[in-house]
N, C-alpha and C. Protein backbone atom coordinates (compact mmCIF):
# COMPACT_ATOMS: atom_id res chain seq x y z
N MET A 1 -6.47 4.07 -19.60
CA MET A 1 -6.85 2.69 -19.79
C MET A 1 -5.81 1.79 -19.16
N ARG A 2 -6.25 0.86 -18.33
CA ARG A 2 -5.33 -0.06 -17.67
C ARG A 2 -4.95 -1.18 -18.62
N SER A 3 -3.73 -1.68 -18.46
CA SER A 3 -3.28 -2.76 -19.32
C SER A 3 -4.03 -4.04 -18.96
N LYS A 4 -4.02 -5.00 -19.86
CA LYS A 4 -4.68 -6.30 -19.63
C LYS A 4 -4.10 -6.97 -18.40
N GLU A 5 -2.78 -6.85 -18.22
CA GLU A 5 -2.13 -7.45 -17.06
C GLU A 5 -2.70 -6.90 -15.76
N LEU A 6 -2.86 -5.59 -15.69
CA LEU A 6 -3.38 -4.98 -14.48
C LEU A 6 -4.85 -5.33 -14.28
N GLN A 7 -5.59 -5.53 -15.36
CA GLN A 7 -6.99 -5.90 -15.23
C GLN A 7 -7.13 -7.29 -14.63
N ASP A 8 -6.13 -8.16 -14.83
CA ASP A 8 -6.17 -9.51 -14.28
C ASP A 8 -5.92 -9.54 -12.78
N VAL A 9 -5.36 -8.47 -12.22
CA VAL A 9 -5.03 -8.43 -10.80
C VAL A 9 -6.30 -8.22 -9.98
N ASP A 10 -6.42 -8.99 -8.90
CA ASP A 10 -7.58 -8.89 -8.02
C ASP A 10 -7.55 -7.56 -7.29
N ALA A 11 -8.50 -6.67 -7.58
CA ALA A 11 -8.57 -5.37 -6.91
C ALA A 11 -10.03 -5.03 -6.66
N PRO A 12 -10.34 -4.52 -5.47
CA PRO A 12 -11.72 -4.18 -5.17
C PRO A 12 -12.17 -2.93 -5.93
N ALA A 13 -13.47 -2.76 -6.02
CA ALA A 13 -14.02 -1.57 -6.66
C ALA A 13 -13.63 -0.34 -5.85
N LEU A 14 -13.54 0.79 -6.52
CA LEU A 14 -13.19 2.02 -5.81
C LEU A 14 -14.31 2.41 -4.86
N SER A 15 -13.93 2.99 -3.76
CA SER A 15 -14.90 3.45 -2.78
C SER A 15 -15.65 4.65 -3.33
N SER A 16 -16.86 4.85 -2.83
CA SER A 16 -17.66 5.99 -3.28
C SER A 16 -17.41 7.23 -2.41
N LYS A 17 -16.45 7.15 -1.51
CA LYS A 17 -16.18 8.28 -0.62
C LYS A 17 -15.53 9.42 -1.38
N THR A 18 -15.91 10.62 -1.02
CA THR A 18 -15.37 11.81 -1.68
C THR A 18 -14.11 12.28 -0.97
N VAL A 19 -13.36 13.13 -1.65
CA VAL A 19 -12.18 13.73 -1.06
C VAL A 19 -12.59 14.54 0.17
N ALA A 20 -13.73 15.22 0.10
CA ALA A 20 -14.21 16.02 1.24
C ALA A 20 -14.45 15.14 2.46
N TRP A 21 -14.98 13.92 2.25
CA TRP A 21 -15.21 12.99 3.36
C TRP A 21 -13.89 12.63 4.03
N VAL A 22 -12.89 12.31 3.22
CA VAL A 22 -11.57 11.94 3.74
C VAL A 22 -10.94 13.12 4.47
N ILE A 23 -10.97 14.30 3.88
CA ILE A 23 -10.38 15.49 4.50
C ILE A 23 -11.06 15.79 5.83
N THR A 24 -12.38 15.72 5.85
CA THR A 24 -13.12 15.99 7.08
C THR A 24 -12.71 15.01 8.17
N LYS A 25 -12.65 13.73 7.84
CA LYS A 25 -12.24 12.71 8.82
C LYS A 25 -10.83 13.00 9.33
N ARG A 26 -9.92 13.32 8.42
CA ARG A 26 -8.53 13.57 8.82
C ARG A 26 -8.41 14.83 9.66
N LEU A 27 -9.16 15.87 9.32
CA LEU A 27 -9.14 17.11 10.11
C LEU A 27 -9.64 16.86 11.53
N LEU A 28 -10.54 15.90 11.66
CA LEU A 28 -11.06 15.53 12.99
C LEU A 28 -10.13 14.56 13.71
N GLY A 29 -8.99 14.25 13.07
CA GLY A 29 -8.04 13.34 13.69
C GLY A 29 -8.43 11.88 13.58
N LYS A 30 -9.34 11.56 12.66
CA LYS A 30 -9.81 10.19 12.50
C LYS A 30 -8.91 9.44 11.52
N ASP A 31 -8.83 8.15 11.72
CA ASP A 31 -8.05 7.28 10.86
C ASP A 31 -9.00 6.65 9.85
N VAL A 32 -9.00 7.13 8.61
CA VAL A 32 -9.97 6.66 7.61
C VAL A 32 -9.75 5.20 7.23
N PHE A 33 -8.60 4.63 7.58
CA PHE A 33 -8.34 3.22 7.27
C PHE A 33 -8.72 2.30 8.42
N SER A 34 -9.19 2.84 9.51
CA SER A 34 -9.62 2.03 10.66
C SER A 34 -11.01 1.50 10.40
N GLU A 35 -11.21 0.19 10.61
CA GLU A 35 -12.53 -0.41 10.41
C GLU A 35 -13.58 0.30 11.26
N SER A 36 -13.21 0.69 12.48
CA SER A 36 -14.19 1.34 13.35
C SER A 36 -14.55 2.74 12.87
N GLU A 37 -13.62 3.41 12.19
CA GLU A 37 -13.89 4.75 11.68
C GLU A 37 -14.64 4.73 10.35
N ASN A 38 -14.24 3.80 9.46
CA ASN A 38 -14.88 3.81 8.14
C ASN A 38 -16.05 2.85 8.05
N LYS A 39 -16.29 2.10 9.13
CA LYS A 39 -17.46 1.21 9.22
C LYS A 39 -17.60 0.32 7.99
N GLY A 40 -16.46 -0.16 7.49
CA GLY A 40 -16.49 -1.04 6.33
C GLY A 40 -16.77 -0.35 5.01
N GLU A 41 -16.79 0.99 5.01
CA GLU A 41 -17.08 1.73 3.79
C GLU A 41 -15.85 1.89 2.89
N MET A 42 -14.69 1.70 3.46
CA MET A 42 -13.43 1.77 2.72
C MET A 42 -12.58 0.58 3.13
N GLU A 43 -11.49 0.36 2.41
CA GLU A 43 -10.57 -0.70 2.79
C GLU A 43 -9.88 -0.35 4.10
N SER A 44 -9.67 -1.35 4.93
CA SER A 44 -8.89 -1.16 6.14
C SER A 44 -7.40 -1.19 5.79
N ARG A 45 -6.56 -0.80 6.74
CA ARG A 45 -5.10 -0.88 6.53
C ARG A 45 -4.71 -2.31 6.17
N LYS A 46 -5.26 -3.27 6.91
CA LYS A 46 -4.93 -4.67 6.67
C LYS A 46 -5.34 -5.11 5.26
N ALA A 47 -6.53 -4.70 4.83
CA ALA A 47 -7.00 -5.06 3.48
C ALA A 47 -6.12 -4.44 2.40
N VAL A 48 -5.69 -3.20 2.62
CA VAL A 48 -4.81 -2.54 1.65
C VAL A 48 -3.49 -3.29 1.56
N ALA A 49 -2.90 -3.62 2.71
CA ALA A 49 -1.61 -4.34 2.73
C ALA A 49 -1.74 -5.70 2.06
N GLU A 50 -2.82 -6.42 2.36
CA GLU A 50 -3.03 -7.75 1.76
C GLU A 50 -3.21 -7.65 0.25
N ARG A 51 -3.96 -6.64 -0.21
CA ARG A 51 -4.16 -6.44 -1.65
C ARG A 51 -2.84 -6.13 -2.35
N MET A 52 -2.04 -5.27 -1.73
CA MET A 52 -0.75 -4.91 -2.32
C MET A 52 0.18 -6.14 -2.37
N LEU A 53 0.17 -6.95 -1.32
CA LEU A 53 0.99 -8.16 -1.32
C LEU A 53 0.55 -9.15 -2.40
N ARG A 54 -0.77 -9.33 -2.54
CA ARG A 54 -1.28 -10.22 -3.61
C ARG A 54 -0.84 -9.72 -4.98
N PHE A 55 -0.93 -8.41 -5.15
CA PHE A 55 -0.53 -7.80 -6.41
C PHE A 55 0.95 -8.06 -6.70
N LEU A 56 1.80 -7.85 -5.70
CA LEU A 56 3.24 -8.09 -5.90
C LEU A 56 3.52 -9.56 -6.18
N LYS A 57 2.83 -10.45 -5.50
CA LYS A 57 3.04 -11.88 -5.74
C LYS A 57 2.63 -12.26 -7.15
N GLN A 58 1.53 -11.71 -7.63
CA GLN A 58 1.10 -11.96 -9.01
C GLN A 58 2.14 -11.44 -9.99
N LEU A 59 2.66 -10.25 -9.73
CA LEU A 59 3.70 -9.69 -10.60
C LEU A 59 4.95 -10.55 -10.59
N SER A 60 5.35 -11.00 -9.40
CA SER A 60 6.58 -11.79 -9.29
C SER A 60 6.45 -13.14 -10.01
N GLU A 61 5.24 -13.71 -10.00
CA GLU A 61 5.03 -14.97 -10.72
C GLU A 61 5.12 -14.76 -12.23
N LYS A 62 4.60 -13.65 -12.71
CA LYS A 62 4.59 -13.38 -14.15
C LYS A 62 5.92 -12.85 -14.66
N HIS A 63 6.66 -12.15 -13.80
CA HIS A 63 7.87 -11.44 -14.25
C HIS A 63 9.07 -11.77 -13.37
N SER A 64 9.21 -13.01 -12.98
CA SER A 64 10.31 -13.43 -12.10
C SER A 64 11.67 -13.01 -12.64
N GLY A 65 12.47 -12.39 -11.79
CA GLY A 65 13.81 -11.98 -12.16
C GLY A 65 13.89 -10.70 -12.96
N ARG A 66 12.76 -10.07 -13.23
CA ARG A 66 12.75 -8.84 -14.02
C ARG A 66 12.45 -7.65 -13.13
N THR A 67 12.77 -6.47 -13.63
CA THR A 67 12.46 -5.23 -12.94
C THR A 67 11.07 -4.78 -13.36
N VAL A 68 10.24 -4.47 -12.37
CA VAL A 68 8.87 -4.03 -12.62
C VAL A 68 8.65 -2.72 -11.88
N VAL A 69 8.04 -1.75 -12.54
CA VAL A 69 7.74 -0.47 -11.92
C VAL A 69 6.27 -0.49 -11.49
N VAL A 70 6.03 -0.16 -10.22
CA VAL A 70 4.68 -0.09 -9.68
C VAL A 70 4.47 1.32 -9.14
N ILE A 71 3.38 1.93 -9.53
CA ILE A 71 3.07 3.29 -9.08
C ILE A 71 1.79 3.23 -8.27
N SER A 72 1.82 3.87 -7.10
CA SER A 72 0.64 3.88 -6.24
C SER A 72 0.68 5.11 -5.35
N HIS A 73 -0.35 5.25 -4.54
CA HIS A 73 -0.41 6.32 -3.55
C HIS A 73 0.50 5.97 -2.38
N ALA A 74 0.82 6.95 -1.57
CA ALA A 74 1.78 6.78 -0.47
C ALA A 74 1.30 5.78 0.58
N ASP A 75 0.02 5.84 0.97
CA ASP A 75 -0.46 4.93 2.02
C ASP A 75 -0.32 3.46 1.62
N PRO A 76 -0.81 3.04 0.44
CA PRO A 76 -0.63 1.63 0.08
C PRO A 76 0.83 1.22 -0.02
N ILE A 77 1.68 2.11 -0.54
CA ILE A 77 3.11 1.81 -0.62
C ILE A 77 3.68 1.64 0.79
N PHE A 78 3.30 2.55 1.70
CA PHE A 78 3.79 2.44 3.07
C PHE A 78 3.34 1.12 3.71
N TYR A 79 2.06 0.80 3.58
CA TYR A 79 1.54 -0.44 4.19
C TYR A 79 2.22 -1.67 3.60
N LEU A 80 2.47 -1.65 2.31
CA LEU A 80 3.17 -2.76 1.68
C LEU A 80 4.58 -2.90 2.24
N ARG A 81 5.32 -1.81 2.29
CA ARG A 81 6.69 -1.83 2.80
C ARG A 81 6.71 -2.27 4.25
N TYR A 82 5.77 -1.77 5.05
CA TYR A 82 5.71 -2.15 6.47
C TYR A 82 5.43 -3.64 6.61
N ARG A 83 4.49 -4.16 5.81
CA ARG A 83 4.14 -5.58 5.89
C ARG A 83 5.32 -6.45 5.45
N LEU A 84 6.07 -6.02 4.44
CA LEU A 84 7.25 -6.79 4.01
C LEU A 84 8.31 -6.82 5.10
N LYS A 85 8.49 -5.72 5.81
CA LYS A 85 9.50 -5.65 6.88
C LYS A 85 9.03 -6.32 8.16
N HIS A 86 7.74 -6.23 8.45
CA HIS A 86 7.20 -6.71 9.73
C HIS A 86 5.96 -7.57 9.45
N PRO A 87 6.14 -8.78 8.92
CA PRO A 87 4.99 -9.58 8.49
C PRO A 87 4.00 -9.94 9.60
N HIS A 88 4.43 -9.93 10.84
CA HIS A 88 3.55 -10.37 11.93
C HIS A 88 3.12 -9.25 12.87
N LYS A 89 3.55 -8.01 12.60
CA LYS A 89 3.16 -6.89 13.45
C LYS A 89 1.87 -6.25 12.95
N LEU A 90 1.15 -5.59 13.85
CA LEU A 90 -0.03 -4.83 13.46
C LEU A 90 0.43 -3.62 12.65
N LEU A 91 -0.37 -3.26 11.67
CA LEU A 91 -0.04 -2.07 10.87
C LEU A 91 -0.31 -0.82 11.69
N PRO A 92 0.55 0.18 11.60
CA PRO A 92 0.32 1.42 12.35
C PRO A 92 -0.85 2.21 11.77
N SER A 93 -1.43 3.07 12.58
CA SER A 93 -2.53 3.91 12.11
C SER A 93 -2.01 4.96 11.15
N ARG A 94 -2.92 5.56 10.39
CA ARG A 94 -2.55 6.62 9.44
C ARG A 94 -1.91 7.78 10.18
N ILE A 95 -2.43 8.10 11.35
CA ILE A 95 -1.88 9.20 12.14
C ILE A 95 -0.46 8.85 12.57
N GLY A 96 -0.25 7.60 12.97
CA GLY A 96 1.08 7.15 13.36
C GLY A 96 2.06 7.15 12.21
N ILE A 97 1.58 6.87 11.02
CA ILE A 97 2.43 6.82 9.84
C ILE A 97 3.09 8.17 9.59
N LEU A 98 2.32 9.24 9.78
CA LEU A 98 2.85 10.57 9.47
C LEU A 98 4.05 10.95 10.31
N THR A 99 4.21 10.31 11.45
CA THR A 99 5.34 10.62 12.31
C THR A 99 6.57 9.79 11.97
N LEU A 100 6.41 8.80 11.12
CA LEU A 100 7.52 7.93 10.77
C LEU A 100 8.37 8.55 9.67
N LEU A 101 9.68 8.40 9.80
CA LEU A 101 10.59 8.97 8.81
C LEU A 101 10.54 8.23 7.49
N ARG A 102 10.07 6.99 7.48
CA ARG A 102 10.08 6.17 6.28
C ARG A 102 8.83 6.35 5.42
N TYR A 103 7.94 7.27 5.78
CA TYR A 103 6.74 7.49 4.98
C TYR A 103 7.14 8.14 3.66
N PRO A 104 6.64 7.62 2.53
CA PRO A 104 7.06 8.16 1.22
C PRO A 104 6.70 9.63 1.05
N LYS A 105 7.58 10.35 0.43
CA LYS A 105 7.32 11.74 0.08
C LYS A 105 6.59 11.79 -1.26
N ILE A 106 5.96 12.90 -1.57
CA ILE A 106 5.24 13.05 -2.83
C ILE A 106 6.21 12.86 -3.99
N GLY A 107 5.85 11.97 -4.90
CA GLY A 107 6.65 11.71 -6.08
C GLY A 107 7.90 10.89 -5.85
N GLN A 108 8.08 10.37 -4.66
CA GLN A 108 9.29 9.62 -4.35
C GLN A 108 9.26 8.22 -4.94
N ALA A 109 10.39 7.77 -5.45
CA ALA A 109 10.53 6.42 -5.96
C ALA A 109 11.33 5.60 -4.95
N ILE A 110 10.91 4.36 -4.76
CA ILE A 110 11.59 3.47 -3.82
C ILE A 110 11.83 2.14 -4.53
N ARG A 111 13.07 1.70 -4.53
CA ARG A 111 13.42 0.41 -5.14
C ARG A 111 13.32 -0.66 -4.06
N ILE A 112 12.51 -1.68 -4.33
CA ILE A 112 12.33 -2.78 -3.39
C ILE A 112 12.78 -4.06 -4.08
N VAL A 113 13.67 -4.81 -3.43
CA VAL A 113 14.15 -6.07 -3.97
C VAL A 113 13.71 -7.19 -3.03
N LEU A 114 13.07 -8.21 -3.62
CA LEU A 114 12.60 -9.36 -2.85
C LEU A 114 13.37 -10.60 -3.28
N ASP A 115 13.56 -11.53 -2.35
CA ASP A 115 14.21 -12.78 -2.71
C ASP A 115 13.17 -13.78 -3.21
N LYS A 116 13.61 -15.01 -3.54
CA LYS A 116 12.69 -16.00 -4.10
C LYS A 116 11.63 -16.45 -3.09
N ASN A 117 11.88 -16.21 -1.79
CA ASN A 117 10.90 -16.53 -0.75
C ASN A 117 9.97 -15.35 -0.45
N PHE A 118 10.08 -14.33 -1.27
CA PHE A 118 9.25 -13.12 -1.15
C PHE A 118 9.55 -12.35 0.13
N GLU A 119 10.81 -12.37 0.53
CA GLU A 119 11.25 -11.61 1.70
C GLU A 119 12.06 -10.41 1.22
N LEU A 120 11.94 -9.31 1.96
CA LEU A 120 12.62 -8.07 1.61
C LEU A 120 14.12 -8.23 1.74
N VAL A 121 14.83 -7.95 0.65
CA VAL A 121 16.29 -8.03 0.62
C VAL A 121 16.90 -6.64 0.70
N GLU A 122 16.30 -5.73 -0.04
CA GLU A 122 16.85 -4.37 -0.13
C GLU A 122 15.74 -3.37 -0.37
N GLU A 123 15.93 -2.20 0.19
CA GLU A 123 15.01 -1.09 -0.05
C GLU A 123 15.84 0.19 -0.14
N THR A 124 15.71 0.89 -1.24
CA THR A 124 16.51 2.07 -1.49
C THR A 124 15.64 3.20 -2.03
N LYS A 125 15.78 4.39 -1.45
CA LYS A 125 15.09 5.56 -2.00
C LYS A 125 15.84 6.00 -3.26
N ILE A 126 15.07 6.34 -4.28
CA ILE A 126 15.67 6.83 -5.51
C ILE A 126 15.33 8.31 -5.62
N ASN A 127 16.38 9.13 -5.74
CA ASN A 127 16.15 10.58 -5.80
C ASN A 127 15.95 11.06 -7.20
């Protein structure tokens, strides 16, 4: 059960795509977050990054100056971190992400500190 706070956050309905659909696309070398590949059936990279940013901004307004723990899948976390570091660059493809050293590992925690202007101040991997 999600907390009331999380229910207040603007989030789209879950996609009806199955794990098999995603695996098949990835095995074929397709980028499931590309609008052209998912034909609007799933969120695009840009939509994921924008949703994550809105979520963080809502959290920062409610909990300014406090430590907040956010748990998510690796792709949304990566897109969020990339958008915070490079606000005006295009987001890399899912295939491109896998080659980057900064892609989160399974179960990895990352501490992100933002300033009052919502700019990235610090990012630290927590072991």
